[in-house]
C-alpha atoms as a PDB file:
ATOM      1  CA  MET A   1     -34.333  -6.089  52.777  1.00  0.00           C
ATOM      2  CA  ARG A   2     -33.005  -2.832  51.424  1.00  0.00           C
ATOM      3  CA  THR A   3     -32.177  -1.395  54.839  1.00  0.00           C
ATOM      4  CA  ILE A   4     -29.550  -4.013  55.720  1.00  0.00           C
ATOM      5  CA  PRO A   5     -27.262  -3.292  52.715  1.00  0.00           C
ATOM      6  CA  LEU A   6     -27.766   0.424  53.318  1.00  0.00           C
ATOM      7  CA  ARG A   7     -26.749   0.026  56.976  1.00  0.00           C
ATOM      8  CA  PHE A   8     -23.632  -1.902  55.962  1.00  0.00           C
ATOM      9  CA  ALA A   9     -22.735   0.842  53.491  1.00  0.00           C
ATOM     10  CA  VAL A  10     -23.131   3.527  56.153  1.00  0.00           C
ATOM     11  CA  LEU A  11     -21.080   1.493  58.656  1.00  0.00           C
ATOM     12  CA  ALA A  12     -18.338   0.983  56.075  1.00  0.00           C
ATOM     13  CA  LEU A  13     -18.187   4.736  55.392  1.00  0.00           C
ATOM     14  CA  LEU A  14     -18.072   5.547  59.098  1.00  0.00           C
ATOM     15  CA  ALA A  15     -15.369   2.951  59.741  1.00  0.00           C
ATOM     16  CA  GLY A  16     -13.294   4.285  56.854  1.00  0.00           C
ATOM     17  CA  SER A  17     -13.534   7.885  57.987  1.00  0.00           C
ATOM     18  CA  SER A  18     -12.583   7.112  61.584  1.00  0.00           C
ATOM     19  CA  THR A  19      -9.287   5.536  60.567  1.00  0.00           C
ATOM     20  CA  ALA A  20      -8.172   8.319  58.249  1.00  0.00           C
ATOM     21  CA  ALA A  21      -4.618   9.430  58.950  1.00  0.00           C
ATOM     22  CA  PRO A  22      -4.095  13.032  60.023  1.00  0.00           C
ATOM     23  CA  ALA A  23      -2.991  15.301  57.209  1.00  0.00           C
ATOM     24  CA  GLN A  24       0.738  16.007  57.145  1.00  0.00           C
ATOM     25  CA  GLU A  25       2.005  19.389  56.061  1.00  0.00           C
ATOM     26  CA  PRO A  26       2.985  19.138  52.387  1.00  0.00           C
ATOM     27  CA  THR A  27       6.551  19.659  51.302  1.00  0.00           C
ATOM     28  CA  GLN A  28       7.434  22.725  49.294  1.00  0.00           C
ATOM     29  CA  GLU A  29      10.308  24.161  47.360  1.00  0.00           C
ATOM     30  CA  GLY A  30      11.812  26.956  49.378  1.00  0.00           C
ATOM     31  CA  ALA A  31      11.197  27.502  53.069  1.00  0.00           C
ATOM     32  CA  PRO A  32       9.053  29.510  55.474  1.00  0.00           C
ATOM     33  CA  LYS A  33      10.269  33.088  56.082  1.00  0.00           C
ATOM     34  CA  ASP A  34      11.885  32.278  59.437  1.00  0.00           C
ATOM     35  CA  TRP A  35      14.121  29.664  57.745  1.00  0.00           C
ATOM     36  CA  GLN A  36      15.081  31.511  54.551  1.00  0.00           C
ATOM     37  CA  GLY A  37      18.774  32.135  54.027  1.00  0.00           C
ATOM     38  CA  ARG A  38      22.069  30.378  53.405  1.00  0.00           C
ATOM     39  CA  TYR A  39      23.545  27.710  55.634  1.00  0.00           C
ATOM     40  CA  ARG A  40      26.927  25.980  55.565  1.00  0.00           C
ATOM     41  CA  TYR A  41      28.615  23.002  57.139  1.00  0.00           C
ATOM     42  CA  GLU A  42      32.306  22.279  56.523  1.00  0.00           C
ATOM     43  CA  HIS A  43      33.041  18.661  57.305  1.00  0.00           C
ATOM     44  CA  ALA A  44      36.705  17.907  58.031  1.00  0.00           C
ATOM     45  CA  ALA A  45      37.194  14.131  57.984  1.00  0.00           C
ATOM     46  CA  GLY A  46      40.934  13.957  58.562  1.00  0.00           C
ATOM     47  CA  ARG A  47      43.673  13.352  56.010  1.00  0.00           C
ATOM     48  CA  THR A  48      44.390  10.836  53.304  1.00  0.00           C
ATOM     49  CA  ALA A  49      47.382   8.495  53.574  1.00  0.00           C
ATOM     50  CA  GLY A  50      49.273  11.021  51.442  1.00  0.00           C
ATOM     51  CA  GLY A  51      48.428  13.874  53.809  1.00  0.00           C
ATOM     52  CA  THR A  52      45.749  15.619  51.752  1.00  0.00           C
ATOM     53  CA  GLY A  53      42.975  17.149  53.831  1.00  0.00           C
ATOM     54  CA  ILE A  54      39.566  15.506  53.491  1.00  0.00           C
ATOM     55  CA  VAL A  55      37.120  18.409  53.556  1.00  0.00           C
ATOM     56  CA  VAL A  56      33.586  18.512  52.178  1.00  0.00           C
ATOM     57  CA  THR A  57      31.430  21.665  52.231  1.00  0.00           C
ATOM     58  CA  TYR A  58      27.635  21.448  52.419  1.00  0.00           C
ATOM     59  CA  ASP A  59      25.943  24.668  51.244  1.00  0.00           C
ATOM     60  CA  LEU A  60      22.169  24.899  51.703  1.00  0.00           C
ATOM     61  CA  VAL A  61      20.157  27.709  50.110  1.00  0.00           C
ATOM     62  CA  LEU A  62      16.565  28.237  51.256  1.00  0.00           C
ATOM     63  CA  LEU A  63      14.514  30.804  49.338  1.00  0.00           C
ATOM     64  CA  PRO A  64      10.822  31.782  49.718  1.00  0.00           C
ATOM     65  CA  PRO A  65       8.205  28.985  49.409  1.00  0.00           C
ATOM     66  CA  ASP A  66       7.427  27.608  45.984  1.00  0.00           C
ATOM     67  CA  VAL A  67      10.270  29.461  44.274  1.00  0.00           C
ATOM     68  CA  ARG A  68      11.737  27.271  41.569  1.00  0.00           C
ATOM     69  CA  ASP A  69      14.923  25.717  42.949  1.00  0.00           C
ATOM     70  CA  GLY A  70      14.195  27.443  46.269  1.00  0.00           C
ATOM     71  CA  CYS A  71      15.826  24.619  48.204  1.00  0.00           C
ATOM     72  CA  VAL A  72      19.254  23.608  46.941  1.00  0.00           C
ATOM     73  CA  LEU A  73      22.004  21.651  48.679  1.00  0.00           C
ATOM     74  CA  ARG A  74      25.459  21.696  47.103  1.00  0.00           C
ATOM     75  CA  VAL A  75      28.015  19.175  48.315  1.00  0.00           C
ATOM     76  CA  ARG A  76      31.560  19.997  47.189  1.00  0.00           C
ATOM     77  CA  GLY A  77      35.010  18.907  48.225  1.00  0.00           C
ATOM     78  CA  PHE A  78      37.042  15.730  48.593  1.00  0.00           C
ATOM     79  CA  GLN A  79      35.594  13.219  46.091  1.00  0.00           C
ATOM     80  CA  SER A  80      32.281  15.078  46.212  1.00  0.00           C
ATOM     81  CA  ASP A  81      30.559  17.282  43.667  1.00  0.00           C
ATOM     82  CA  GLU A  82      26.782  17.130  43.562  1.00  0.00           C
ATOM     83  CA  THR A  83      23.791  19.406  43.587  1.00  0.00           C
ATOM     84  CA  ILE A  84      20.553  18.253  45.193  1.00  0.00           C
ATOM     85  CA  ARG A  85      17.222  19.983  44.681  1.00  0.00           C
ATOM     86  CA  CYS A  86      15.260  19.567  47.879  1.00  0.00           C
ATOM     87  CA  ARG A  87      11.895  20.257  49.468  1.00  0.00           C
ATOM     88  CA  THR A  88      11.127  21.356  53.005  1.00  0.00           C
ATOM     89  CA  ARG A  89       8.385  20.974  55.579  1.00  0.00           C
ATOM     90  CA  ARG A  90       8.041  22.029  59.171  1.00  0.00           C
ATOM     91  CA  ASP A  91       8.835  19.246  61.613  1.00  0.00           C
ATOM     92  CA  GLY A  92       7.746  20.465  65.029  1.00  0.00           C
ATOM     93  CA  PRO A  93      10.176  23.266  65.930  1.00  0.00           C
ATOM     94  CA  GLY A  94      12.469  22.244  63.091  1.00  0.00           C
ATOM     95  CA  LEU A  95      12.606  22.153  59.323  1.00  0.00           C
ATOM     96  CA  ALA A  96      12.966  18.840  57.507  1.00  0.00           C
ATOM     97  CA  VAL A  97      14.978  18.962  54.273  1.00  0.00           C
ATOM     98  CA  ALA A  98      13.989  16.148  51.912  1.00  0.00           C
ATOM     99  CA  PHE A  99      15.414  14.853  48.625  1.00  0.00           C
ATOM    100  CA  ASP A 100      13.503  15.834  45.476  1.00  0.00           C
ATOM    101  CA  ARG A 101      15.986  15.331  42.634  1.00  0.00           C
ATOM    102  CA  TYR A 102      19.578  15.948  41.599  1.00  0.00           C
ATOM    103  CA  GLY A 103      20.602  19.180  39.889  1.00  0.00           C
ATOM    104  CA  ASP A 104      20.183  17.637  36.440  1.00  0.00           C
ATOM    105  CA  GLY A 105      16.557  16.706  37.221  1.00  0.00           C
ATOM    106  CA  SER A 106      17.263  13.001  37.653  1.00  0.00           C
ATOM    107  CA  THR A 107      16.474  10.912  40.727  1.00  0.00           C
ATOM    108  CA  VAL A 108      19.642   8.851  40.252  1.00  0.00           C
ATOM    109  CA  ASN A 109      23.218  10.080  40.658  1.00  0.00           C
ATOM    110  CA  ARG A 110      25.749  10.344  37.833  1.00  0.00           C
ATOM    111  CA  TYR A 111      26.515   6.625  38.222  1.00  0.00           C
ATOM    112  CA  GLY A 112      22.862   5.628  37.788  1.00  0.00           C
ATOM    113  CA  VAL A 113      22.365   4.824  41.489  1.00  0.00           C
ATOM    114  CA  ALA A 114      19.239   5.919  43.381  1.00  0.00           C
ATOM    115  CA  VAL A 115      20.974   6.871  46.642  1.00  0.00           C
ATOM    116  CA  TYR A 116      17.858   8.620  48.023  1.00  0.00           C
ATOM    117  CA  LYS A 117      14.133   8.141  47.496  1.00  0.00           C
ATOM    118  CA  VAL A 118      12.037  11.124  46.425  1.00  0.00           C
ATOM    119  CA  GLY A 119      10.638  12.677  49.593  1.00  0.00           C
ATOM    120  CA  GLN A 120      13.193  10.981  51.859  1.00  0.00           C
ATOM    121  CA  PRO A 121      14.324  13.322  54.655  1.00  0.00           C
ATOM    122  CA  LEU A 122      18.035  14.075  54.316  1.00  0.00           C
ATOM    123  CA  PHE A 123      18.302  15.958  57.627  1.00  0.00           C
ATOM    124  CA  THR A 124      16.303  18.190  59.931  1.00  0.00           C
ATOM    125  CA  LEU A 125      17.442  21.588  61.169  1.00  0.00           C
ATOM    126  CA  VAL A 126      16.332  22.632  64.653  1.00  0.00           C
ATOM    127  CA  LYS A 127      16.629  26.124  66.133  1.00  0.00           C
ATOM    128  CA  GLY A 128      17.905  26.477  69.686  1.00  0.00           C
ATOM    129  CA  SER A 129      20.781  28.261  71.384  1.00  0.00           C
ATOM    130  CA  ARG A 130      22.724  26.924  68.378  1.00  0.00           C
ATOM    131  CA  LEU A 131      21.305  25.608  65.140  1.00  0.00           C
ATOM    132  CA  GLY A 132      21.094  21.831  65.419  1.00  0.00           C
ATOM    133  CA  THR A 133      21.190  19.231  62.665  1.00  0.00           C
ATOM    134  CA  ARG A 134      19.702  15.743  62.916  1.00  0.00           C
ATOM    135  CA  TRP A 135      21.125  13.592  60.104  1.00  0.00           C
ATOM    136  CA  GLN A 136      18.731  11.186  58.428  1.00  0.00           C
ATOM    137  CA  GLY A 137      19.124   9.969  54.829  1.00  0.00           C
ATOM    138  CA  LEU A 138      22.286  12.010  54.348  1.00  0.00           C
ATOM    139  CA  LYS A 139      25.184  11.714  56.759  1.00  0.00           C
ATOM    140  CA  PRO A 140      28.736  12.921  56.172  1.00  0.00           C
ATOM    141  CA  ASP A 141      31.334  10.178  55.795  1.00  0.00           C
ATOM    142  CA  GLY A 142      34.029   9.711  58.379  1.00  0.00           C
ATOM    143  CA  GLU A 143      34.499   9.159  62.046  1.00  0.00           C
ATOM    144  CA  GLY A 144      33.130  11.414  64.736  1.00  0.00           C
ATOM    145  CA  VAL A 145      29.898  12.438  63.016  1.00  0.00           C
ATOM    146  CA  ALA A 146      27.144  12.018  65.579  1.00  0.00           C
ATOM    147  CA  GLU A 147      23.514  11.511  64.541  1.00  0.00           C
ATOM    148  CA  SER A 148      22.762  15.062  65.668  1.00  0.00           C
ATOM    149  CA  GLY A 149      24.675  18.139  66.711  1.00  0.00           C
ATOM    150  CA  PRO A 150      25.507  21.752  65.801  1.00  0.00           C
ATOM    151  CA  TYR A 151      26.651  21.167  62.220  1.00  0.00           C
ATOM    152  CA  PHE A 152      25.070  23.745  59.899  1.00  0.00           C
ATOM    153  CA  ALA A 153      25.398  27.460  60.654  1.00  0.00           C
ATOM    154  CA  ARG A 154      23.517  30.302  59.033  1.00  0.00           C
ATOM    155  CA  VAL A 155      25.862  32.381  56.881  1.00  0.00           C
ATOM    156  CA  LYS A 156      23.428  34.894  55.380  1.00  0.00           C
END
């Protein structure tokens, strides 16, 4: 009588272990050595009705892993002024940049809106003949912004 419950327990353990998901590389502040540096994308989205240029600059700073504020994205320009603290993880040949919190430590923007979820990928950078960007949770406003392309460039 005791062997049947024991067998069921062993089967349950075996079944549970065989369906375990593969471990995913954890996110970290900062970036691996081959990705450290400063990156910039200047998005020109045309002109306003009054003729003012609509330009937004995206500055990404990637410092060594686990450095406090080692991954920071600053978005400045036309109707934009925010700082995002981010986390990174390798994504195949690329580097995924994910939302962690805003510059003030909050997970909601200055208007109280949770635009991004913690851990949500904002974009992925991919090295090639040119540095590629695949937009995900974050995508610049305006026409002509494809889902992926050579947007960010290393500046330092």
